[in-house]
């Protein structure tokens, strides 16, 4: 792969990018069940107390957040076999794959200690695997457009894995009476595919050139990050947009079940949404080539506001209209998935040029923290507001005022933070010309 040798404008072979993207499939299939399926499985199927399961998973989330900066720092300082990206990544795979298998396929009788052990190890393993993996992709090329292409391959594989994770539990079921449990299927999928795809990437995808001229301590790294205005602007926009996306994601099941009166359509609508996001990935890459990344992302967010706002006017039986909204916003989700991480690689260049240290691991650790913060904030804000609006999911049929409140929160509340993100990104300073100048300084 030419860029790993130091070239600037280089178009990677599709086969190389496919091999790099393959581990994203089992990683995505692994990510969704941890906090979506595991709580129900361990409480309903394995018989553990609901409150205790919730407490354990909350503690694991705290551990997950705390481990991000640690593994990000380690990812930038690894000097073992295979290089600091490939080597640190492949070293994590035995932990991640084995912990996933044990957590998703437990023995017939388990206690809370089992969930604490394997849930905690999986959280650490997933962070350990993800950070050097995304940093690896960010450093494979220093070309402005090629970075978007690399992110498109990885995020496309991520969406396929997400679709698999959504589908399998519903196809096979997650109850002990099922002939083949969906969670066990995911356990096998991850345990087999993650080592195979990771080894293939390790062998055939090159280690990026380390452009560091010096090594910084943890506090020095944080000081340089805090002075990187482009990074602060980008991550703030990413946080606002992530918060905006997390609000309807949190309320999706309630909206389809109660507002549209169609609980049986929740699964199909989710599948349509993520399937269309896969189609949106190449559209995002094409738009970024034609315009700048920040303008393409801003226009996509603006279009999402206009289209998604329509859902606030929908009511019982408006399934065709909501399906069309899922198609359109799913296509635009591809822009959210591909363009921000590509721009993240560009703002890392700005830091490298100033500090002399290429620390993609630390930057993507901050990125991961922003993602988790946006999701946690959305949950922490959405449910109390929903309660104030009079919506109670325990009621057989919420009142019309409660349903109207649900619609407003679902459809219109996300528009405000999205507009804030657009305001930050519309005149973002790093375009193709500026990025090339920064790379030249490095």
Protein backbone atom coordinates (compact mmCIF):
# COMPACT_ATOMS: atom_id res chain seq x y z
CA UNK A 1 0.00 0.00 0.00
CA UNK A 2 1.81 3.07 -1.32
CA UNK A 3 0.84 5.56 1.37
CA UNK A 4 2.37 3.48 4.11
CA UNK A 5 5.67 4.12 2.37
CA UNK A 6 5.27 7.85 2.64
CA UNK A 7 3.43 8.98 -0.51
CA UNK A 8 0.78 11.68 -0.24
CA UNK A 9 -1.75 11.34 -3.07
CA UNK A 10 -2.42 7.65 -3.33
CA UNK A 11 -5.50 5.60 -4.10
CA UNK A 12 -5.38 2.34 -2.18
CA UNK A 13 -6.32 -0.92 -3.80
CA UNK A 14 -9.89 -1.93 -3.01
CA UNK A 15 -8.69 -5.34 -1.85
CA UNK A 16 -6.45 -3.71 0.77
CA UNK A 17 -9.29 -1.58 2.08
CA UNK A 18 -11.65 -4.56 2.18
CA UNK A 19 -9.12 -6.46 4.27
CA UNK A 20 -8.72 -3.48 6.57
CA UNK A 21 -12.51 -3.09 6.89
CA UNK A 22 -13.31 -6.77 7.60
CA UNK A 23 -12.75 -6.66 11.39
CA UNK A 24 -15.34 -3.87 11.61
CA UNK A 25 -18.05 -6.42 10.82
CA UNK A 26 -17.60 -8.64 13.93
CA UNK A 27 -16.78 -5.59 16.06
CA UNK A 28 -20.12 -3.99 15.12
CA UNK A 29 -21.95 -7.25 15.71
CA UNK A 30 -20.32 -7.29 19.14
CA UNK A 31 -21.01 -3.67 20.12
CA UNK A 32 -24.80 -3.57 19.87
CA UNK A 33 -25.69 -6.60 22.05
CA UNK A 34 -23.53 -5.49 24.99
CA UNK A 35 -26.00 -2.88 26.19
CA UNK A 36 -29.13 -3.75 24.17
CA UNK A 37 -29.53 -7.53 24.41
CA UNK A 38 -27.31 -8.56 27.35
CA UNK A 39 -29.43 -6.81 30.06
CA UNK A 40 -32.61 -8.61 28.99
CA UNK A 41 -30.81 -11.91 28.45
CA UNK A 42 -29.14 -12.03 31.87
CA UNK A 43 -32.27 -10.89 33.72
CA UNK A 44 -35.02 -12.79 31.89
CA UNK A 45 -33.20 -15.87 30.61
CA UNK A 46 -30.44 -16.35 33.18
CA UNK A 47 -32.63 -15.23 36.08
CA UNK A 48 -30.39 -12.55 37.62
CA UNK A 49 -32.07 -9.63 39.46
CA UNK A 50 -32.91 -6.79 37.09
CA UNK A 51 -31.62 -4.06 39.41
CA UNK A 52 -28.34 -5.91 39.98
CA UNK A 53 -27.83 -6.45 36.23
CA UNK A 54 -28.46 -2.76 35.63
CA UNK A 55 -25.98 -1.79 38.34
CA UNK A 56 -23.28 -4.06 36.93
CA UNK A 57 -23.75 -2.74 33.39
CA UNK A 58 -23.66 0.85 34.64
CA UNK A 59 -20.36 0.13 36.41
CA UNK A 60 -19.05 -1.45 33.21
CA UNK A 61 -19.98 1.70 31.31
CA UNK A 62 -17.95 3.76 33.77
CA UNK A 63 -15.03 1.37 33.35
CA UNK A 64 -15.43 1.65 29.58
CA UNK A 65 -15.25 5.45 29.68
CA UNK A 66 -12.26 5.47 32.05
CA UNK A 67 -10.32 3.02 29.88
CA UNK A 68 -10.50 5.15 26.71
CA UNK A 69 -7.69 7.62 27.53
CA UNK A 70 -5.54 4.85 28.99
CA UNK A 71 -5.71 2.66 25.90
CA UNK A 72 -5.44 5.68 23.61
CA UNK A 73 -2.19 6.66 25.34
CA UNK A 74 -0.89 3.09 25.23
CA UNK A 75 -1.80 2.78 21.54
CA UNK A 76 0.52 5.69 20.74
CA UNK A 77 3.40 4.31 22.83
CA UNK A 78 3.32 0.63 21.80
CA UNK A 79 6.65 -0.60 20.41
CA UNK A 80 5.97 -4.32 20.25
CA UNK A 81 6.00 -6.77 17.37
CA UNK A 82 3.92 -5.73 14.37
CA UNK A 83 4.09 -1.98 14.88
CA UNK A 84 2.23 0.37 17.17
CA UNK A 85 -1.07 0.11 15.27
CA UNK A 86 -1.15 -3.44 13.89
CA UNK A 87 0.73 -4.96 16.81
CA UNK A 88 -1.33 -3.32 19.56
CA UNK A 89 -4.51 -4.18 17.67
CA UNK A 90 -3.75 -7.88 17.15
CA UNK A 91 -2.59 -8.27 20.78
CA UNK A 92 -6.12 -7.36 21.93
CA UNK A 93 -8.00 -9.93 19.86
CA UNK A 94 -7.67 -12.99 22.18
CA UNK A 95 -9.11 -10.97 25.09
CA UNK A 96 -11.96 -9.45 23.08
CA UNK A 97 -13.00 -12.62 21.24
CA UNK A 98 -12.87 -14.92 24.28
CA UNK A 99 -14.69 -12.43 26.54
CA UNK A 100 -17.43 -11.97 23.93
CA UNK A 101 -17.91 -15.72 23.62
CA UNK A 102 -18.09 -16.23 27.38
CA UNK A 103 -20.47 -13.32 27.94
CA UNK A 104 -22.81 -14.18 25.06
CA UNK A 105 -22.82 -17.95 25.64
CA UNK A 106 -22.80 -18.47 29.42
CA UNK A 107 -23.31 -21.83 31.15
CA UNK A 108 -26.81 -22.76 32.32
CA UNK A 109 -26.35 -21.29 35.80
CA UNK A 110 -24.36 -18.11 36.41
CA UNK A 111 -24.16 -15.45 39.10
CA UNK A 112 -23.45 -11.74 39.06
CA UNK A 113 -19.73 -12.46 39.40
CA UNK A 114 -19.76 -14.08 35.98
CA UNK A 115 -21.36 -10.98 34.43
CA UNK A 116 -18.89 -8.69 36.23
CA UNK A 117 -15.86 -10.71 35.09
CA UNK A 118 -16.68 -11.28 31.44
CA UNK A 119 -18.61 -8.04 30.95
CA UNK A 120 -15.70 -6.06 32.35
CA UNK A 121 -13.13 -7.94 30.26
CA UNK A 122 -15.21 -7.46 27.14
CA UNK A 123 -15.50 -3.73 27.81
CA UNK A 124 -11.73 -3.42 28.20
CA UNK A 125 -11.07 -5.68 25.23
CA UNK A 126 -13.44 -3.81 22.95
CA UNK A 127 -11.77 -0.48 23.79
CA UNK A 128 -8.33 -2.02 23.37
CA UNK A 129 -9.29 -3.37 19.95
CA UNK A 130 -11.19 -0.35 18.64
CA UNK A 131 -8.74 2.47 19.37
CA UNK A 132 -5.65 1.17 17.53
CA UNK A 133 -7.95 -0.08 14.76
CA UNK A 134 -9.45 3.34 14.02
CA UNK A 135 -6.07 5.06 14.48
CA UNK A 136 -4.60 2.58 11.99
CA UNK A 137 -7.19 3.62 9.40
CA UNK A 138 -6.62 7.32 10.03
CA UNK A 139 -2.89 6.95 9.37
CA UNK A 140 -3.06 4.67 6.33
CA UNK A 141 -3.13 7.72 4.08
CA UNK A 142 -2.34 11.41 4.42
CA UNK A 143 -4.43 12.24 1.35
CA UNK A 144 -7.57 14.33 2.03
CA UNK A 145 -9.90 12.34 -0.24
CA UNK A 146 -8.38 8.93 0.36
CA UNK A 147 -9.09 9.17 4.06
CA UNK A 148 -12.80 9.42 3.30
CA UNK A 149 -12.58 6.34 1.12
CA UNK A 150 -10.87 4.37 3.91
CA UNK A 151 -13.53 5.47 6.41
CA UNK A 152 -16.25 4.53 3.91
CA UNK A 153 -15.00 0.95 3.64
CA UNK A 154 -14.76 0.58 7.42
CA UNK A 155 -18.14 2.14 8.17
CA UNK A 156 -19.81 0.10 5.45
CA UNK A 157 -18.56 -3.06 7.14
CA UNK A 158 -19.72 -1.64 10.48
CA UNK A 159 -23.24 -1.19 9.14
CA UNK A 160 -23.32 -4.76 7.83
CA UNK A 161 -22.29 -5.99 11.27
CA UNK A 162 -24.94 -3.79 12.90
CA UNK A 163 -27.62 -5.24 10.63
CA UNK A 164 -26.47 -8.74 11.57
CA UNK A 165 -26.60 -7.88 15.27
CA UNK A 166 -30.12 -6.47 14.88
CA UNK A 167 -31.39 -9.40 12.84
CA UNK A 168 -29.94 -12.49 14.49
CA UNK A 169 -31.56 -12.20 17.94
CA UNK A 170 -34.97 -11.66 16.35
CA UNK A 171 -34.48 -14.48 13.85
CA UNK A 172 -33.35 -17.04 16.41
CA UNK A 173 -34.75 -15.57 19.64
CA UNK A 174 -33.03 -14.90 22.96
CA UNK A 175 -35.02 -17.18 25.24
CA UNK A 176 -33.87 -20.46 26.65
CA UNK A 177 -36.73 -22.24 24.90
CA UNK A 178 -35.47 -21.21 21.48
CA UNK A 179 -33.85 -23.91 19.43
CA UNK A 180 -30.89 -21.68 18.60
CA UNK A 181 -30.45 -18.46 20.51
CA UNK A 182 -29.56 -15.34 18.62
CA UNK A 183 -27.07 -14.30 21.27
CA UNK A 184 -25.26 -17.62 20.99
CA UNK A 185 -25.13 -17.12 17.23
CA UNK A 186 -23.49 -13.74 17.74
CA UNK A 187 -21.06 -15.37 20.21
CA UNK A 188 -19.98 -17.84 17.53
CA UNK A 189 -19.86 -15.12 14.87
CA UNK A 190 -17.53 -12.93 16.93
CA UNK A 191 -15.40 -15.78 18.31
CA UNK A 192 -14.72 -17.12 14.81
CA UNK A 193 -14.75 -14.06 12.57
CA UNK A 194 -12.95 -11.53 14.76
CA UNK A 195 -9.67 -13.53 14.97
CA UNK A 196 -9.80 -14.53 11.28
CA UNK A 197 -10.54 -11.05 9.91
CA UNK A 198 -8.11 -9.38 12.31
CA UNK A 199 -5.30 -11.75 11.36
CA UNK A 200 -6.00 -11.13 7.66
CA UNK A 201 -5.80 -7.37 8.21
CA UNK A 202 -2.64 -7.75 10.29
CA UNK A 203 -0.91 -9.79 7.58
CA UNK A 204 -2.00 -7.97 4.44
CA UNK A 205 -2.60 -4.33 5.46
CA UNK A 206 0.63 -2.39 6.06
CA UNK A 207 1.66 -0.62 9.22
CA UNK A 208 1.42 3.16 8.72
CA UNK A 209 4.49 5.35 8.87
CA UNK A 210 4.96 6.89 12.31
CA UNK A 211 5.49 10.59 11.54
CA UNK A 212 6.41 11.47 15.13
CA UNK A 213 9.69 13.27 15.69
CA UNK A 214 9.38 13.18 19.47
CA UNK A 215 7.36 11.45 22.17
CA UNK A 216 5.14 13.36 24.59
CA UNK A 217 3.97 12.49 28.07
CA UNK A 218 0.31 12.19 28.90
CA UNK A 219 -0.07 15.72 30.30
CA UNK A 220 1.86 17.26 27.40
CA UNK A 221 -0.40 15.40 24.99
CA UNK A 222 -3.51 16.77 26.69
CA UNK A 223 -2.11 20.31 26.59
CA UNK A 224 -1.51 20.14 22.84
CA UNK A 225 -4.97 18.65 22.28
CA UNK A 226 -6.57 21.47 24.26
CA UNK A 227 -4.82 24.00 21.99
CA UNK A 228 -5.95 22.33 18.75
CA UNK A 229 -8.83 24.62 17.85
CA UNK A 230 -9.86 22.66 14.78
CA UNK A 231 -10.13 19.50 16.86
CA UNK A 232 -12.15 21.24 19.59
CA UNK A 233 -14.50 22.65 16.96
CA UNK A 234 -14.92 19.30 15.25
CA UNK A 235 -15.45 17.26 18.41
CA UNK A 236 -17.98 19.79 19.73
CA UNK A 237 -19.94 19.52 16.49
CA UNK A 238 -19.65 15.74 16.67
CA UNK A 239 -20.92 15.78 20.26
CA UNK A 240 -23.91 17.97 19.35
CA UNK A 241 -24.79 15.86 16.32
CA UNK A 242 -24.36 12.64 18.30
CA UNK A 243 -26.68 13.98 21.00
CA UNK A 244 -29.21 14.94 18.31
CA UNK A 245 -29.09 11.46 16.78
CA UNK A 246 -29.30 9.74 20.17
CA UNK A 247 -32.60 11.41 21.14
CA UNK A 248 -34.73 9.72 18.43
CA UNK A 249 -32.69 6.52 18.79
CA UNK A 250 -33.67 6.41 22.47
CA UNK A 251 -37.34 7.06 21.67
CA UNK A 252 -37.64 5.04 18.47
CA UNK A 253 -39.41 2.00 19.95
CA UNK A 254 -41.94 4.18 21.78
CA UNK A 255 -42.59 6.34 18.73
CA UNK A 256 -43.32 3.43 16.39
CA UNK A 257 -45.34 1.50 18.98
CA UNK A 258 -47.39 4.33 20.51
CA UNK A 259 -47.40 7.26 18.08
CA UNK A 260 -47.71 5.20 14.90
CA UNK A 261 -49.55 2.34 16.62
CA UNK A 262 -47.44 -0.29 14.86
CA UNK A 263 -45.17 -2.18 17.30
CA UNK A 264 -44.77 -5.01 14.78
CA UNK A 265 -43.00 -2.57 12.41
CA UNK A 266 -40.17 -1.65 14.78
CA UNK A 267 -37.80 -4.31 13.45
CA UNK A 268 -38.52 -3.71 9.74
CA UNK A 269 -38.10 0.05 10.09
CA UNK A 270 -34.76 -0.41 11.85
CA UNK A 271 -33.55 -2.74 9.11
CA UNK A 272 -34.64 -0.28 6.40
CA UNK A 273 -32.88 2.57 8.19
CA UNK A 274 -29.52 0.81 8.52
CA UNK A 275 -29.74 -0.78 5.09
CA UNK A 276 -30.20 2.67 3.56
CA UNK A 277 -27.27 3.95 5.63
CA UNK A 278 -25.13 1.42 3.78
CA UNK A 279 -26.23 3.00 0.50
CA UNK A 280 -25.48 6.42 1.97
CA UNK A 281 -21.82 5.57 2.62
CA UNK A 282 -20.71 5.77 -1.06
CA UNK A 283 -22.90 8.86 -1.51
CA UNK A 284 -21.01 10.55 1.33
CA UNK A 285 -17.66 9.63 -0.18
CA UNK A 286 -18.74 10.99 -3.58
CA UNK A 287 -20.06 14.23 -2.07
CA UNK A 288 -16.82 14.73 -0.14
CA UNK A 289 -14.82 14.34 -3.37
CA UNK A 290 -16.99 16.89 -5.17
CA UNK A 291 -17.14 19.42 -2.33
CA UNK A 292 -15.25 19.62 0.96
CA UNK A 293 -15.97 17.15 3.75
CA UNK A 294 -17.31 19.77 6.15
CA UNK A 295 -19.68 21.27 3.57
CA UNK A 296 -20.98 17.84 2.55
CA UNK A 297 -21.58 16.93 6.19
CA UNK A 298 -23.25 20.26 6.95
CA UNK A 299 -25.63 19.94 3.98
CA UNK A 300 -26.47 16.37 5.02
CA UNK A 301 -27.27 17.49 8.59
CA UNK A 302 -29.42 20.34 7.26
CA UNK A 303 -31.33 17.92 5.02
CA UNK A 304 -31.81 15.56 7.97
CA UNK A 305 -33.37 18.38 10.00
CA UNK A 306 -35.82 19.20 7.21
CA UNK A 307 -36.79 15.58 6.51
CA UNK A 308 -36.86 14.29 10.07
CA UNK A 309 -38.93 17.22 11.28
CA UNK A 310 -41.85 15.89 9.23
CA UNK A 311 -42.14 12.90 11.57
CA UNK A 312 -43.51 15.24 14.25
CA UNK A 313 -46.73 15.54 12.23
CA UNK A 314 -47.30 11.78 11.85
CA UNK A 315 -49.90 9.77 13.73
CA UNK A 316 -51.62 6.38 13.82
CA UNK A 317 -51.11 4.39 10.65
CA UNK A 318 -48.75 6.78 8.85
CA UNK A 319 -46.40 3.92 8.06
CA UNK A 320 -45.66 4.75 4.43
CA UNK A 321 -44.63 8.31 5.31
CA UNK A 322 -42.47 7.12 8.20
CA UNK A 323 -40.91 4.45 5.99
CA UNK A 324 -39.95 7.15 3.49
CA UNK A 325 -38.41 9.19 6.31
CA UNK A 326 -36.42 6.13 7.41
CA UNK A 327 -35.13 5.69 3.86
CA UNK A 328 -34.06 9.33 3.46
CA UNK A 329 -32.55 9.79 6.92
CA UNK A 330 -30.86 6.40 6.63
CA UNK A 331 -29.10 7.56 3.47
CA UNK A 332 -27.98 10.71 5.28
CA UNK A 333 -26.72 8.68 8.25
CA UNK A 334 -23.95 7.49 5.94
CA UNK A 335 -22.58 11.06 5.99
CA UNK A 336 -22.54 11.07 9.82
CA UNK A 337 -20.62 7.82 9.88
CA UNK A 338 -18.01 8.49 7.18
CA UNK A 339 -17.14 12.18 7.13
CA UNK A 340 -16.42 13.04 10.82
CA UNK A 341 -13.76 10.32 11.30
CA UNK A 342 -12.18 11.34 8.00
CA UNK A 343 -12.00 14.94 9.24
CA UNK A 344 -10.66 13.67 12.54
CA UNK A 345 -7.60 12.35 10.71
CA UNK A 346 -7.13 15.84 9.23
CA UNK A 347 -7.21 17.64 12.60
CA UNK A 348 -4.68 15.12 13.94
CA UNK A 349 -2.32 16.34 11.20
CA UNK A 350 -2.64 19.86 12.61
CA UNK A 351 -1.50 18.62 16.03
CA UNK A 352 1.33 16.54 14.55
CA UNK A 353 2.67 19.56 12.67
CA UNK A 354 2.77 21.62 15.88
CA UNK A 355 3.72 19.04 18.52
CA UNK A 356 5.94 16.75 16.47
CA UNK A 357 4.06 13.73 17.86
CA UNK A 358 1.50 11.75 15.88
CA UNK A 359 -1.01 10.66 18.55
CA UNK A 360 -4.03 9.28 16.71
CA UNK A 361 -4.72 6.89 19.59
CA UNK A 362 -5.24 9.75 22.05
CA UNK A 363 -7.43 11.64 19.62
CA UNK A 364 -9.67 8.71 18.87
CA UNK A 365 -9.91 8.02 22.61
CA UNK A 366 -11.35 11.53 23.00
CA UNK A 367 -13.63 10.78 20.06
CA UNK A 368 -14.89 7.62 21.76
CA UNK A 369 -15.51 9.54 24.99
CA UNK A 370 -17.55 12.13 23.08
CA UNK A 371 -19.64 9.36 21.55
CA UNK A 372 -20.38 7.80 24.93
CA UNK A 373 -21.09 11.20 26.48
CA UNK A 374 -23.61 12.08 23.78
CA UNK A 375 -25.45 8.78 24.25
CA UNK A 376 -25.46 9.03 28.04
CA UNK A 377 -26.63 12.64 27.96
CA UNK A 378 -29.45 11.81 25.56
CA UNK A 379 -30.74 9.06 27.86
CA UNK A 380 -30.30 11.24 30.95
CA UNK A 381 -32.23 14.13 29.43
CA UNK A 382 -34.81 12.39 27.27
CA UNK A 383 -36.58 10.19 29.80
CA UNK A 384 -37.09 12.87 32.48
CA UNK A 385 -38.44 15.27 29.84
CA UNK A 386 -40.67 12.53 28.48
CA UNK A 387 -42.05 11.99 31.96
CA UNK A 388 -42.69 15.74 32.40
CA UNK A 389 -44.65 15.67 29.14
CA UNK A 390 -46.95 13.07 30.66
CA UNK A 391 -45.83 10.05 28.68
CA UNK A 392 -45.87 6.78 30.63
CA UNK A 393 -45.04 3.63 28.63
CA UNK A 394 -46.74 1.53 31.31
CA UNK A 395 -50.13 2.95 30.35
CA UNK A 396 -52.23 0.90 27.94
CA UNK A 397 -52.76 3.96 25.80
CA UNK A 398 -51.06 7.31 26.53
CA UNK A 399 -53.16 10.47 26.29
CA UNK A 400 -53.16 12.59 23.14
CA UNK A 401 -51.17 15.29 24.95
CA UNK A 402 -48.55 12.73 25.99
CA UNK A 403 -48.32 11.42 22.41
CA UNK A 404 -47.93 14.95 21.09
CA UNK A 405 -45.14 15.49 23.61
CA UNK A 406 -43.47 12.30 22.44
CA UNK A 407 -43.68 13.49 18.82
CA UNK A 408 -42.17 16.88 19.61
CA UNK A 409 -39.32 15.37 21.59
CA UNK A 410 -38.67 12.70 18.98
CA UNK A 411 -38.83 14.86 15.87
CA UNK A 412 -38.08 18.47 16.76
CA UNK A 413 -35.81 18.46 19.79
CA UNK A 414 -32.87 17.00 17.76
CA UNK A 415 -33.03 19.91 15.30
CA UNK A 416 -31.58 22.42 17.79
CA UNK A 417 -28.26 20.62 18.49
CA UNK A 418 -27.95 19.69 14.81
CA UNK A 419 -28.21 23.36 13.85
CA UNK A 420 -25.50 24.09 16.40
CA UNK A 421 -23.26 21.46 14.77
CA UNK A 422 -23.94 22.95 11.33
CA UNK A 423 -23.00 26.40 12.59
CA UNK A 424 -19.65 25.08 13.82
CA UNK A 425 -18.84 23.12 10.66
CA UNK A 426 -20.07 25.38 7.85
CA UNK A 427 -16.85 27.44 7.78
CA UNK A 428 -14.54 24.75 9.14
CA UNK A 429 -10.97 25.86 8.37
CA UNK A 430 -9.52 22.57 7.10
CA UNK A 431 -10.37 21.90 3.46
CA UNK A 432 -8.39 20.08 0.80
CA UNK A 433 -5.91 22.93 0.28
CA UNK A 434 -5.35 23.63 3.99
CA UNK A 435 -4.88 19.93 4.77
CA UNK A 436 -2.28 19.55 2.02
CA UNK A 437 -0.34 22.50 3.43
CA UNK A 438 -0.35 20.94 6.91
CA UNK A 439 0.90 17.61 5.55
CA UNK A 440 3.65 19.48 3.78
CA UNK A 441 4.75 21.00 7.09
CA UNK A 442 4.91 17.55 8.66
